[in-house]
Amino acid sequence: MRKTPKQNSAGAKPTADQIAELATRGEDVSRFFTNEFTVVRPVQRVNIDLTHGMLRELDAKAARLNVSRQAVIKTLLDQALSAERKPKKAG
């Protein structure tokens, strides 16, 4: 028995599989392509060496924020880089 794609409720956006099914049947699917998209930069993996103390602190912060260790590292690194880019105020 052939599976048929589930239909979304009225007004909901169709899934990629539903759009593909329409295209396979020869229907016009151009209305689903708005050319409005966000470019996602490629991610490059890196390895870093951290002390046990640093890892404990990162893990504690991640637990307090209820996020992953990776999210904490990325956030802290972004904050440090942003601070470096900002011009220093003369005082």
N, C-alpha and C. Protein backbone atom coordinates (compact mmCIF):
# COMPACT_ATOMS: atom_id res chain seq x y z
N MET A 1 0.84 -1.18 0.00
CA MET A 1 0.00 0.00 0.00
C MET A 1 0.89 1.24 0.00
N ARG A 2 0.61 2.18 -0.88
CA ARG A 2 1.40 3.40 -1.02
C ARG A 2 0.98 4.41 0.03
N LYS A 3 2.00 5.01 0.68
CA LYS A 3 1.70 6.03 1.68
C LYS A 3 1.42 7.35 0.97
N THR A 4 0.46 8.08 1.47
CA THR A 4 0.17 9.40 0.93
C THR A 4 0.58 10.43 1.95
N PRO A 5 1.11 11.57 1.50
CA PRO A 5 1.56 12.57 2.46
C PRO A 5 0.38 13.12 3.25
N LYS A 6 0.64 13.37 4.54
CA LYS A 6 -0.40 13.96 5.38
C LYS A 6 -0.62 15.40 4.97
N GLN A 7 -1.84 15.81 5.03
CA GLN A 7 -2.18 17.18 4.67
C GLN A 7 -2.07 18.07 5.89
N ASN A 8 -1.49 19.25 5.71
CA ASN A 8 -1.42 20.24 6.77
C ASN A 8 -2.78 20.88 6.94
N SER A 9 -2.99 21.49 8.10
CA SER A 9 -4.24 22.22 8.31
C SER A 9 -4.25 23.44 7.39
N ALA A 10 -5.42 23.96 7.14
CA ALA A 10 -5.58 25.08 6.20
C ALA A 10 -4.69 26.24 6.60
N GLY A 11 -3.99 26.80 5.64
CA GLY A 11 -3.15 27.97 5.88
C GLY A 11 -1.74 27.65 6.34
N ALA A 12 -1.47 26.40 6.73
CA ALA A 12 -0.14 26.04 7.19
C ALA A 12 0.78 25.83 5.99
N LYS A 13 2.06 26.08 6.20
CA LYS A 13 3.03 25.87 5.13
C LYS A 13 3.22 24.38 4.89
N PRO A 14 3.29 23.97 3.63
CA PRO A 14 3.49 22.55 3.34
C PRO A 14 4.93 22.14 3.66
N THR A 15 5.11 20.88 3.92
CA THR A 15 6.45 20.35 4.16
C THR A 15 7.18 20.21 2.83
N ALA A 16 8.49 20.00 2.92
CA ALA A 16 9.29 19.79 1.71
C ALA A 16 8.80 18.56 0.95
N ASP A 17 8.43 17.52 1.69
CA ASP A 17 7.93 16.30 1.03
C ASP A 17 6.62 16.57 0.29
N GLN A 18 5.75 17.38 0.87
CA GLN A 18 4.49 17.71 0.21
C GLN A 18 4.73 18.53 -1.05
N ILE A 19 5.67 19.47 -1.00
CA ILE A 19 6.01 20.26 -2.19
C ILE A 19 6.59 19.35 -3.27
N ALA A 20 7.46 18.42 -2.86
CA ALA A 20 8.06 17.47 -3.81
C ALA A 20 6.98 16.62 -4.46
N GLU A 21 6.00 16.21 -3.70
CA GLU A 21 4.90 15.40 -4.24
C GLU A 21 4.12 16.20 -5.28
N LEU A 22 3.85 17.48 -4.99
CA LEU A 22 3.15 18.33 -5.96
C LEU A 22 3.97 18.46 -7.25
N ALA A 23 5.27 18.67 -7.10
CA ALA A 23 6.14 18.81 -8.28
C ALA A 23 6.18 17.52 -9.08
N THR A 24 6.20 16.38 -8.38
CA THR A 24 6.20 15.08 -9.05
C THR A 24 4.94 14.88 -9.89
N ARG A 25 3.83 15.42 -9.40
CA ARG A 25 2.57 15.32 -10.13
C ARG A 25 2.49 16.35 -11.25
N GLY A 26 3.53 17.20 -11.38
CA GLY A 26 3.56 18.18 -12.45
C GLY A 26 2.89 19.50 -12.12
N GLU A 27 2.54 19.69 -10.85
CA GLU A 27 1.89 20.95 -10.46
C GLU A 27 2.92 22.06 -10.30
N ASP A 28 2.46 23.30 -10.45
CA ASP A 28 3.34 24.46 -10.31
C ASP A 28 3.63 24.68 -8.83
N VAL A 29 4.90 24.64 -8.45
CA VAL A 29 5.29 24.84 -7.06
C VAL A 29 6.06 26.14 -6.86
N SER A 30 6.09 26.98 -7.87
CA SER A 30 6.88 28.21 -7.80
C SER A 30 6.43 29.14 -6.67
N ARG A 31 5.15 29.04 -6.27
CA ARG A 31 4.65 29.92 -5.21
C ARG A 31 5.32 29.64 -3.86
N PHE A 32 5.94 28.48 -3.72
CA PHE A 32 6.59 28.13 -2.46
C PHE A 32 8.02 28.66 -2.37
N PHE A 33 8.53 29.20 -3.47
CA PHE A 33 9.91 29.69 -3.51
C PHE A 33 9.89 31.21 -3.60
N THR A 34 10.16 31.86 -2.48
CA THR A 34 10.02 33.32 -2.39
C THR A 34 11.33 34.06 -2.61
N ASN A 35 12.45 33.34 -2.67
CA ASN A 35 13.78 33.93 -2.76
C ASN A 35 14.11 34.77 -1.53
N GLU A 36 13.39 34.57 -0.45
CA GLU A 36 13.70 35.19 0.82
C GLU A 36 14.30 34.10 1.70
N PHE A 37 15.59 34.23 1.95
CA PHE A 37 16.26 33.20 2.73
C PHE A 37 17.41 33.83 3.49
N THR A 38 17.92 33.11 4.45
CA THR A 38 19.06 33.54 5.23
C THR A 38 20.25 32.68 4.84
N VAL A 39 21.35 33.33 4.56
CA VAL A 39 22.56 32.61 4.21
C VAL A 39 23.22 32.14 5.51
N VAL A 40 23.47 30.85 5.58
CA VAL A 40 24.13 30.28 6.75
C VAL A 40 25.58 30.03 6.39
N ARG A 41 26.45 30.65 7.15
CA ARG A 41 27.88 30.47 6.87
C ARG A 41 28.31 29.05 7.22
N PRO A 42 29.25 28.51 6.47
CA PRO A 42 29.72 27.16 6.78
C PRO A 42 30.41 27.14 8.15
N VAL A 43 30.29 26.04 8.84
CA VAL A 43 30.88 25.88 10.16
C VAL A 43 32.16 25.08 10.01
N GLN A 44 33.18 25.51 10.73
CA GLN A 44 34.44 24.77 10.73
C GLN A 44 34.70 24.29 12.15
N ARG A 45 34.96 23.02 12.30
CA ARG A 45 35.23 22.46 13.62
C ARG A 45 36.67 22.74 14.02
N VAL A 46 36.85 23.02 15.31
CA VAL A 46 38.18 23.23 15.87
C VAL A 46 38.28 22.46 17.18
N ASN A 47 39.49 22.15 17.54
CA ASN A 47 39.75 21.50 18.83
C ASN A 47 40.52 22.48 19.70
N ILE A 48 40.16 22.55 20.98
CA ILE A 48 40.89 23.39 21.91
C ILE A 48 41.20 22.57 23.16
N ASP A 49 42.29 22.91 23.80
CA ASP A 49 42.66 22.26 25.05
C ASP A 49 42.29 23.19 26.20
N LEU A 50 41.55 22.68 27.16
CA LEU A 50 41.13 23.46 28.32
C LEU A 50 41.50 22.71 29.58
N THR A 51 41.75 23.47 30.64
CA THR A 51 42.04 22.83 31.92
C THR A 51 40.76 22.28 32.52
N HIS A 52 40.91 21.38 33.49
CA HIS A 52 39.74 20.83 34.16
C HIS A 52 38.96 21.92 34.88
N GLY A 53 39.67 22.89 35.41
CA GLY A 53 39.01 24.00 36.10
C GLY A 53 38.14 24.81 35.15
N MET A 54 38.66 25.07 33.96
CA MET A 54 37.89 25.83 32.97
C MET A 54 36.64 25.05 32.57
N LEU A 55 36.80 23.75 32.37
CA LEU A 55 35.65 22.92 32.00
C LEU A 55 34.61 22.90 33.10
N ARG A 56 35.05 22.81 34.35
CA ARG A 56 34.09 22.84 35.47
C ARG A 56 33.32 24.15 35.47
N GLU A 57 34.03 25.27 35.26
CA GLU A 57 33.35 26.57 35.24
C GLU A 57 32.37 26.67 34.07
N LEU A 58 32.81 26.21 32.90
CA LEU A 58 31.93 26.23 31.73
C LEU A 58 30.70 25.36 31.96
N ASP A 59 30.90 24.17 32.52
CA ASP A 59 29.78 23.27 32.77
C ASP A 59 28.82 23.85 33.81
N ALA A 60 29.36 24.51 34.82
CA ALA A 60 28.51 25.12 35.84
C ALA A 60 27.67 26.24 35.23
N LYS A 61 28.30 27.05 34.38
CA LYS A 61 27.57 28.14 33.72
C LYS A 61 26.51 27.57 32.77
N ALA A 62 26.86 26.53 32.04
CA ALA A 62 25.91 25.89 31.13
C ALA A 62 24.72 25.33 31.90
N ALA A 63 24.98 24.73 33.05
CA ALA A 63 23.89 24.17 33.86
C ALA A 63 22.99 25.28 34.38
N ARG A 64 23.58 26.40 34.84
CA ARG A 64 22.77 27.52 35.33
C ARG A 64 21.88 28.08 34.23
N LEU A 65 22.43 28.15 33.00
CA LEU A 65 21.68 28.71 31.88
C LEU A 65 20.82 27.67 31.16
N ASN A 66 21.01 26.41 31.52
CA ASN A 66 20.28 25.31 30.89
C ASN A 66 20.54 25.26 29.38
N VAL A 67 21.82 25.39 29.02
CA VAL A 67 22.25 25.29 27.62
C VAL A 67 23.47 24.37 27.57
N SER A 68 23.92 24.08 26.37
CA SER A 68 25.07 23.20 26.21
C SER A 68 26.37 23.94 26.50
N ARG A 69 27.41 23.16 26.78
CA ARG A 69 28.74 23.75 26.98
C ARG A 69 29.15 24.50 25.71
N GLN A 70 28.87 23.93 24.56
CA GLN A 70 29.23 24.56 23.29
C GLN A 70 28.56 25.92 23.16
N ALA A 71 27.31 26.03 23.56
CA ALA A 71 26.60 27.31 23.47
C ALA A 71 27.26 28.35 24.36
N VAL A 72 27.69 27.94 25.55
CA VAL A 72 28.37 28.87 26.46
C VAL A 72 29.68 29.34 25.85
N ILE A 73 30.46 28.40 25.32
CA ILE A 73 31.75 28.76 24.71
C ILE A 73 31.54 29.73 23.56
N LYS A 74 30.59 29.45 22.68
CA LYS A 74 30.33 30.32 21.54
C LYS A 74 29.90 31.71 21.99
N THR A 75 29.03 31.77 22.99
CA THR A 75 28.53 33.05 23.48
C THR A 75 29.65 33.88 24.09
N LEU A 76 30.45 33.25 24.96
CA LEU A 76 31.55 33.97 25.59
C LEU A 76 32.59 34.43 24.57
N LEU A 77 32.89 33.59 23.61
CA LEU A 77 33.86 33.95 22.58
C LEU A 77 33.34 35.11 21.73
N ASP A 78 32.05 35.05 21.37
CA ASP A 78 31.45 36.13 20.58
C ASP A 78 31.48 37.44 21.36
N GLN A 79 31.18 37.40 22.66
CA GLN A 79 31.21 38.60 23.48
C GLN A 79 32.61 39.19 23.53
N ALA A 80 33.62 38.34 23.68
CA ALA A 80 35.00 38.82 23.74
C ALA A 80 35.43 39.43 22.41
N LEU A 81 35.07 38.79 21.30
CA LEU A 81 35.44 39.33 19.99
C LEU A 81 34.70 40.63 19.69
N SER A 82 33.44 40.73 20.10
CA SER A 82 32.67 41.96 19.89
C SER A 82 33.27 43.11 20.69
N ALA A 83 33.71 42.83 21.90
CA ALA A 83 34.32 43.87 22.73
C ALA A 83 35.60 44.38 22.09
N GLU A 84 36.34 43.51 21.45
CA GLU A 84 37.58 43.88 20.77
C GLU A 84 37.30 44.78 19.56
N ARG A 85 36.19 44.54 18.88
CA ARG A 85 35.87 45.31 17.67
C ARG A 85 35.38 46.71 17.98
N LYS A 86 34.77 46.91 19.15
CA LYS A 86 34.22 48.21 19.49
C LYS A 86 35.36 49.20 19.76
N PRO A 87 35.21 50.44 19.24
CA PRO A 87 36.26 51.42 19.52
C PRO A 87 36.25 51.80 20.99
N LYS A 88 37.44 51.95 21.53
CA LYS A 88 37.55 52.31 22.94
C LYS A 88 37.26 53.80 23.11
N LYS A 89 36.47 54.14 24.15
CA LYS A 89 36.13 55.53 24.41
C LYS A 89 37.30 56.23 25.08
N ALA A 90 37.57 57.44 24.60
CA ALA A 90 38.63 58.24 25.21
C ALA A 90 38.09 58.83 26.51
N GLY A 91 38.86 58.80 27.56
CA GLY A 91 38.32 59.26 28.83
C GLY A 91 39.16 60.18 29.51
